[in-house]
Amino acid sequence: MSRQNISSGAKWEDIVGYSRAVRIGNIIEVSGTTAMLHGELQGKGDYYAQTKVSLEIIGKALGKAGASWEDVIRTRIYIKDMIHWEEVGKAHGEIFGKIKPATSMIQVEMIDPEILVEIEASAVIS
């Protein structure tokens, strides 16, 4: 099986040594994705906005890998403060409300205090 590494162009990919997403065969794994675009955090202070941007970035990576939202079987949501779970859940539900992948929402400490949400996704193309 061939391997396809998908880049978002973020400077951290080369520094840390990761890809935005990797496809092997019909399996796609999307790395933890924050609302960072062109080196600048979008939606500062807004859990809903950061979730929406993170999901938009994930959607682009899935598209580059030949997948769509309907192929997502699992998401993992990392949130800075669980008190804001409903804002994050609302944004997630706007995309996945009918698809209903398996998911987890876990409170964590982020690498940057302004990052409020980070999301991973797993997809299988049938």
N, C-alpha and C. Protein backbone atom coordinates (compact mmCIF):
# COMPACT_ATOMS: atom_id res chain seq x y z
N MET A 1 0.83 -1.19 0.00
CA MET A 1 0.00 0.00 0.00
C MET A 1 0.87 1.24 0.00
N SER A 2 0.44 2.23 -0.72
CA SER A 2 1.21 3.47 -0.77
C SER A 2 0.78 4.40 0.36
N ARG A 3 1.68 5.27 0.69
CA ARG A 3 1.46 6.25 1.76
C ARG A 3 1.39 7.63 1.14
N GLN A 4 0.39 8.40 1.55
CA GLN A 4 0.24 9.77 1.10
C GLN A 4 0.27 10.68 2.32
N ASN A 5 1.29 11.52 2.42
CA ASN A 5 1.35 12.52 3.48
C ASN A 5 0.72 13.80 2.96
N ILE A 6 -0.19 14.36 3.74
CA ILE A 6 -0.87 15.60 3.37
C ILE A 6 -0.40 16.71 4.28
N SER A 7 0.08 17.79 3.68
CA SER A 7 0.60 18.92 4.44
C SER A 7 -0.38 20.07 4.41
N SER A 8 -0.41 20.83 5.51
CA SER A 8 -1.18 22.07 5.52
C SER A 8 -0.26 23.26 5.30
N GLY A 9 1.05 22.99 5.27
CA GLY A 9 2.02 24.06 5.10
C GLY A 9 2.44 24.74 6.38
N ALA A 10 1.94 24.27 7.51
CA ALA A 10 2.31 24.87 8.80
C ALA A 10 3.79 24.63 9.08
N LYS A 11 4.45 25.65 9.59
CA LYS A 11 5.89 25.53 9.86
C LYS A 11 6.19 24.43 10.88
N TRP A 12 5.22 24.13 11.73
CA TRP A 12 5.43 23.13 12.78
C TRP A 12 5.56 21.72 12.22
N GLU A 13 5.04 21.48 11.03
CA GLU A 13 5.11 20.14 10.46
C GLU A 13 6.56 19.68 10.30
N ASP A 14 7.42 20.54 9.78
CA ASP A 14 8.83 20.18 9.62
C ASP A 14 9.58 20.21 10.94
N ILE A 15 9.24 21.15 11.81
CA ILE A 15 9.94 21.27 13.10
C ILE A 15 9.66 20.05 13.97
N VAL A 16 8.39 19.68 14.08
CA VAL A 16 8.00 18.57 14.95
C VAL A 16 8.11 17.22 14.24
N GLY A 17 7.95 17.24 12.91
CA GLY A 17 8.02 16.01 12.14
C GLY A 17 6.69 15.28 12.07
N TYR A 18 5.68 15.95 11.53
CA TYR A 18 4.37 15.31 11.36
C TYR A 18 3.70 15.83 10.10
N SER A 19 2.62 15.20 9.71
CA SER A 19 1.80 15.62 8.58
C SER A 19 0.43 16.00 9.10
N ARG A 20 -0.24 16.90 8.41
CA ARG A 20 -1.62 17.24 8.79
C ARG A 20 -2.46 15.99 8.74
N ALA A 21 -2.24 15.17 7.71
CA ALA A 21 -2.98 13.92 7.59
C ALA A 21 -2.11 12.91 6.86
N VAL A 22 -2.41 11.64 7.07
CA VAL A 22 -1.73 10.55 6.38
C VAL A 22 -2.80 9.58 5.89
N ARG A 23 -2.65 9.19 4.61
CA ARG A 23 -3.54 8.16 4.05
C ARG A 23 -2.70 6.97 3.65
N ILE A 24 -3.11 5.80 4.12
CA ILE A 24 -2.54 4.53 3.70
C ILE A 24 -3.71 3.64 3.33
N GLY A 25 -3.74 3.26 2.06
CA GLY A 25 -4.88 2.48 1.58
C GLY A 25 -6.15 3.31 1.70
N ASN A 26 -7.15 2.75 2.37
CA ASN A 26 -8.41 3.48 2.53
C ASN A 26 -8.55 4.13 3.91
N ILE A 27 -7.46 4.17 4.68
CA ILE A 27 -7.48 4.74 6.02
C ILE A 27 -6.80 6.10 6.03
N ILE A 28 -7.46 7.07 6.67
CA ILE A 28 -6.91 8.42 6.79
C ILE A 28 -6.93 8.82 8.26
N GLU A 29 -5.78 9.31 8.72
CA GLU A 29 -5.68 9.84 10.08
C GLU A 29 -5.31 11.32 9.96
N VAL A 30 -6.11 12.17 10.61
CA VAL A 30 -5.83 13.60 10.61
C VAL A 30 -5.28 13.99 11.98
N SER A 31 -4.12 14.63 11.97
CA SER A 31 -3.45 15.04 13.21
C SER A 31 -4.28 16.05 13.99
N GLY A 32 -3.91 16.22 15.25
CA GLY A 32 -4.52 17.24 16.07
C GLY A 32 -4.49 18.58 15.35
N THR A 33 -5.65 19.19 15.22
CA THR A 33 -5.80 20.40 14.41
C THR A 33 -6.39 21.52 15.24
N THR A 34 -5.70 22.64 15.25
CA THR A 34 -6.19 23.82 15.96
C THR A 34 -6.64 24.87 14.95
N ALA A 35 -7.10 25.99 15.43
CA ALA A 35 -7.60 27.08 14.58
C ALA A 35 -6.47 28.00 14.11
N MET A 36 -5.31 27.44 13.86
CA MET A 36 -4.15 28.21 13.43
C MET A 36 -4.10 28.23 11.90
N LEU A 37 -4.22 29.42 11.33
CA LEU A 37 -4.14 29.61 9.88
C LEU A 37 -3.02 30.59 9.57
N HIS A 38 -2.09 30.17 8.71
CA HIS A 38 -0.97 31.02 8.30
C HIS A 38 -0.24 31.60 9.52
N GLY A 39 -0.07 30.76 10.54
CA GLY A 39 0.68 31.17 11.72
C GLY A 39 -0.07 32.06 12.69
N GLU A 40 -1.36 32.28 12.44
CA GLU A 40 -2.14 33.15 13.33
C GLU A 40 -3.39 32.42 13.82
N LEU A 41 -3.61 32.48 15.13
CA LEU A 41 -4.76 31.82 15.73
C LEU A 41 -6.03 32.58 15.39
N GLN A 42 -7.01 31.86 14.87
CA GLN A 42 -8.31 32.44 14.54
C GLN A 42 -9.27 32.26 15.71
N GLY A 43 -10.21 33.16 15.87
CA GLY A 43 -11.25 33.02 16.89
C GLY A 43 -10.74 33.10 18.31
N LYS A 44 -9.81 33.97 18.57
CA LYS A 44 -9.24 34.08 19.93
C LYS A 44 -10.35 34.29 20.95
N GLY A 45 -10.29 33.48 22.00
CA GLY A 45 -11.25 33.58 23.09
C GLY A 45 -12.61 32.97 22.82
N ASP A 46 -12.82 32.36 21.66
CA ASP A 46 -14.13 31.87 21.24
C ASP A 46 -14.05 30.37 20.92
N TYR A 47 -14.59 29.56 21.81
CA TYR A 47 -14.55 28.10 21.64
C TYR A 47 -15.28 27.65 20.37
N TYR A 48 -16.44 28.22 20.12
CA TYR A 48 -17.21 27.85 18.94
C TYR A 48 -16.42 28.19 17.66
N ALA A 49 -15.90 29.40 17.58
CA ALA A 49 -15.17 29.84 16.38
C ALA A 49 -13.93 28.99 16.15
N GLN A 50 -13.18 28.70 17.22
CA GLN A 50 -11.98 27.88 17.05
C GLN A 50 -12.33 26.47 16.60
N THR A 51 -13.43 25.94 17.09
CA THR A 51 -13.87 24.61 16.67
C THR A 51 -14.22 24.62 15.18
N LYS A 52 -14.96 25.64 14.75
CA LYS A 52 -15.35 25.74 13.33
C LYS A 52 -14.12 25.81 12.43
N VAL A 53 -13.13 26.63 12.79
CA VAL A 53 -11.92 26.76 11.96
C VAL A 53 -11.15 25.45 11.96
N SER A 54 -11.01 24.82 13.11
CA SER A 54 -10.31 23.53 13.18
C SER A 54 -10.97 22.51 12.26
N LEU A 55 -12.29 22.46 12.28
CA LEU A 55 -13.01 21.52 11.43
C LEU A 55 -12.87 21.87 9.96
N GLU A 56 -12.83 23.15 9.62
CA GLU A 56 -12.62 23.55 8.23
C GLU A 56 -11.25 23.05 7.73
N ILE A 57 -10.23 23.17 8.57
CA ILE A 57 -8.89 22.70 8.20
C ILE A 57 -8.90 21.18 8.03
N ILE A 58 -9.58 20.48 8.92
CA ILE A 58 -9.70 19.03 8.82
C ILE A 58 -10.42 18.65 7.53
N GLY A 59 -11.48 19.37 7.21
CA GLY A 59 -12.23 19.11 5.99
C GLY A 59 -11.37 19.24 4.74
N LYS A 60 -10.50 20.24 4.71
CA LYS A 60 -9.60 20.41 3.57
C LYS A 60 -8.61 19.26 3.49
N ALA A 61 -8.08 18.82 4.62
CA ALA A 61 -7.14 17.70 4.63
C ALA A 61 -7.84 16.42 4.15
N LEU A 62 -9.06 16.20 4.60
CA LEU A 62 -9.81 15.02 4.15
C LEU A 62 -10.01 15.07 2.64
N GLY A 63 -10.35 16.24 2.13
CA GLY A 63 -10.55 16.39 0.69
C GLY A 63 -9.29 16.08 -0.10
N LYS A 64 -8.14 16.56 0.38
CA LYS A 64 -6.87 16.28 -0.29
C LYS A 64 -6.56 14.79 -0.29
N ALA A 65 -7.08 14.08 0.72
CA ALA A 65 -6.85 12.64 0.83
C ALA A 65 -7.92 11.84 0.09
N GLY A 66 -8.87 12.52 -0.54
CA GLY A 66 -9.91 11.82 -1.28
C GLY A 66 -11.08 11.38 -0.44
N ALA A 67 -11.26 12.00 0.73
CA ALA A 67 -12.34 11.62 1.64
C ALA A 67 -13.30 12.80 1.84
N SER A 68 -14.40 12.51 2.51
CA SER A 68 -15.39 13.53 2.86
C SER A 68 -15.80 13.33 4.32
N TRP A 69 -16.64 14.23 4.79
CA TRP A 69 -17.11 14.12 6.18
C TRP A 69 -17.77 12.77 6.44
N GLU A 70 -18.48 12.24 5.46
CA GLU A 70 -19.20 10.98 5.64
C GLU A 70 -18.26 9.79 5.86
N ASP A 71 -16.99 9.95 5.52
CA ASP A 71 -16.01 8.88 5.73
C ASP A 71 -15.42 8.88 7.14
N VAL A 72 -15.69 9.92 7.91
CA VAL A 72 -15.12 10.04 9.26
C VAL A 72 -15.82 9.06 10.19
N ILE A 73 -14.99 8.24 10.86
CA ILE A 73 -15.55 7.25 11.78
C ILE A 73 -15.27 7.61 13.24
N ARG A 74 -14.33 8.55 13.48
CA ARG A 74 -13.98 8.92 14.85
C ARG A 74 -13.40 10.31 14.88
N THR A 75 -13.78 11.07 15.91
CA THR A 75 -13.11 12.33 16.21
C THR A 75 -12.69 12.32 17.67
N ARG A 76 -11.64 13.06 17.94
CA ARG A 76 -11.18 13.25 19.32
C ARG A 76 -11.08 14.75 19.51
N ILE A 77 -11.79 15.26 20.50
CA ILE A 77 -11.83 16.69 20.75
C ILE A 77 -11.12 16.97 22.07
N TYR A 78 -10.10 17.81 22.00
CA TYR A 78 -9.36 18.22 23.18
C TYR A 78 -9.76 19.67 23.47
N ILE A 79 -10.20 19.92 24.68
CA ILE A 79 -10.76 21.22 25.04
C ILE A 79 -10.05 21.75 26.29
N LYS A 80 -9.77 23.03 26.29
CA LYS A 80 -9.03 23.64 27.40
C LYS A 80 -9.86 23.68 28.68
N ASP A 81 -11.15 23.99 28.57
CA ASP A 81 -12.00 24.10 29.75
C ASP A 81 -13.36 23.48 29.43
N MET A 82 -13.67 22.39 30.10
CA MET A 82 -14.88 21.61 29.81
C MET A 82 -16.16 22.40 30.04
N ILE A 83 -16.08 23.50 30.74
CA ILE A 83 -17.28 24.32 30.94
C ILE A 83 -17.84 24.81 29.61
N HIS A 84 -17.01 24.84 28.58
CA HIS A 84 -17.43 25.31 27.25
C HIS A 84 -17.79 24.17 26.29
N TRP A 85 -18.07 22.99 26.81
CA TRP A 85 -18.32 21.83 25.96
C TRP A 85 -19.49 22.03 25.01
N GLU A 86 -20.51 22.78 25.42
CA GLU A 86 -21.69 22.95 24.57
C GLU A 86 -21.36 23.77 23.31
N GLU A 87 -20.50 24.78 23.44
CA GLU A 87 -20.10 25.59 22.28
C GLU A 87 -19.34 24.72 21.27
N VAL A 88 -18.43 23.90 21.81
CA VAL A 88 -17.64 23.01 20.97
C VAL A 88 -18.55 21.94 20.35
N GLY A 89 -19.42 21.37 21.17
CA GLY A 89 -20.34 20.36 20.70
C GLY A 89 -21.28 20.87 19.61
N LYS A 90 -21.72 22.12 19.74
CA LYS A 90 -22.60 22.71 18.73
C LYS A 90 -21.90 22.77 17.37
N ALA A 91 -20.67 23.26 17.35
CA ALA A 91 -19.92 23.36 16.09
C ALA A 91 -19.66 21.97 15.50
N HIS A 92 -19.30 21.01 16.35
CA HIS A 92 -19.06 19.64 15.91
C HIS A 92 -20.35 19.04 15.35
N GLY A 93 -21.45 19.27 16.04
CA GLY A 93 -22.74 18.73 15.63
C GLY A 93 -23.25 19.31 14.32
N GLU A 94 -22.86 20.53 13.99
CA GLU A 94 -23.28 21.13 12.72
C GLU A 94 -22.74 20.36 11.52
N ILE A 95 -21.61 19.72 11.70
CA ILE A 95 -21.04 18.90 10.62
C ILE A 95 -21.39 17.43 10.80
N PHE A 96 -21.31 16.94 12.03
CA PHE A 96 -21.43 15.51 12.27
C PHE A 96 -22.77 15.07 12.87
N GLY A 97 -23.74 15.97 12.96
CA GLY A 97 -25.02 15.65 13.58
C GLY A 97 -25.73 14.44 12.98
N LYS A 98 -25.62 14.27 11.66
CA LYS A 98 -26.27 13.12 11.01
C LYS A 98 -25.31 11.98 10.77
N ILE A 99 -24.02 12.28 10.71
CA ILE A 99 -23.00 11.25 10.45
C ILE A 99 -22.73 10.44 11.72
N LYS A 100 -22.63 11.15 12.83
CA LYS A 100 -22.45 10.56 14.16
C LYS A 100 -21.26 9.62 14.30
N PRO A 101 -20.03 10.12 14.05
CA PRO A 101 -18.86 9.27 14.30
C PRO A 101 -18.68 9.04 15.79
N ALA A 102 -17.92 8.03 16.13
CA ALA A 102 -17.53 7.87 17.53
C ALA A 102 -16.71 9.10 17.90
N THR A 103 -16.79 9.56 19.14
CA THR A 103 -16.03 10.74 19.52
C THR A 103 -15.71 10.72 21.00
N SER A 104 -14.73 11.52 21.35
CA SER A 104 -14.35 11.76 22.74
C SER A 104 -14.14 13.25 22.90
N MET A 105 -14.43 13.78 24.08
CA MET A 105 -14.11 15.17 24.40
C MET A 105 -13.37 15.14 25.73
N ILE A 106 -12.13 15.63 25.70
CA ILE A 106 -11.24 15.50 26.84
C ILE A 106 -10.66 16.87 27.19
N GLN A 107 -10.70 17.23 28.46
CA GLN A 107 -10.09 18.49 28.90
C GLN A 107 -8.59 18.29 29.06
N VAL A 108 -7.82 19.21 28.46
CA VAL A 108 -6.36 19.12 28.49
C VAL A 108 -5.74 20.51 28.62
N GLU A 109 -4.46 20.52 28.91
CA GLU A 109 -3.70 21.77 28.87
C GLU A 109 -3.12 21.89 27.46
N MET A 110 -3.27 23.05 26.86
CA MET A 110 -2.80 23.26 25.49
C MET A 110 -1.38 23.81 25.48
N ILE A 111 -0.70 23.63 24.34
CA ILE A 111 0.67 24.10 24.17
C ILE A 111 0.75 25.62 24.20
N ASP A 112 -0.33 26.28 23.78
CA ASP A 112 -0.43 27.75 23.78
C ASP A 112 -1.71 28.08 24.55
N PRO A 113 -1.65 28.96 25.55
CA PRO A 113 -2.84 29.24 26.36
C PRO A 113 -4.00 29.85 25.59
N GLU A 114 -3.76 30.39 24.40
CA GLU A 114 -4.86 30.96 23.61
C GLU A 114 -5.57 29.92 22.75
N ILE A 115 -4.96 28.75 22.60
CA ILE A 115 -5.62 27.66 21.87
C ILE A 115 -6.62 27.01 22.83
N LEU A 116 -7.87 26.97 22.40
CA LEU A 116 -8.93 26.46 23.25
C LEU A 116 -9.39 25.06 22.86
N VAL A 117 -9.18 24.69 21.58
CA VAL A 117 -9.70 23.43 21.05
C VAL A 117 -8.68 22.83 20.07
N GLU A 118 -8.53 21.51 20.12
CA GLU A 118 -7.75 20.78 19.14
C GLU A 118 -8.53 19.52 18.80
N ILE A 119 -8.59 19.18 17.52
CA ILE A 119 -9.42 18.06 17.08
C ILE A 119 -8.62 17.13 16.17
N GLU A 120 -8.79 15.82 16.36
CA GLU A 120 -8.23 14.79 15.49
C GLU A 120 -9.39 14.08 14.81
N ALA A 121 -9.12 13.48 13.66
CA ALA A 121 -10.16 12.71 12.98
C ALA A 121 -9.56 11.47 12.33
N SER A 122 -10.36 10.43 12.30
CA SER A 122 -10.01 9.18 11.60
C SER A 122 -11.10 8.91 10.59
N ALA A 123 -10.69 8.51 9.38
CA ALA A 123 -11.66 8.23 8.33
C ALA A 123 -11.29 6.95 7.61
N VAL A 124 -12.30 6.29 7.07
CA VAL A 124 -12.12 5.09 6.27
C VAL A 124 -12.97 5.28 5.01
N ILE A 125 -12.30 5.19 3.86
CA ILE A 125 -13.01 5.32 2.59
C ILE A 125 -13.46 3.93 2.18
N SER A 126 -14.77 3.79 1.97
CA SER A 126 -15.29 2.46 1.61
C SER A 126 -15.39 2.28 0.12
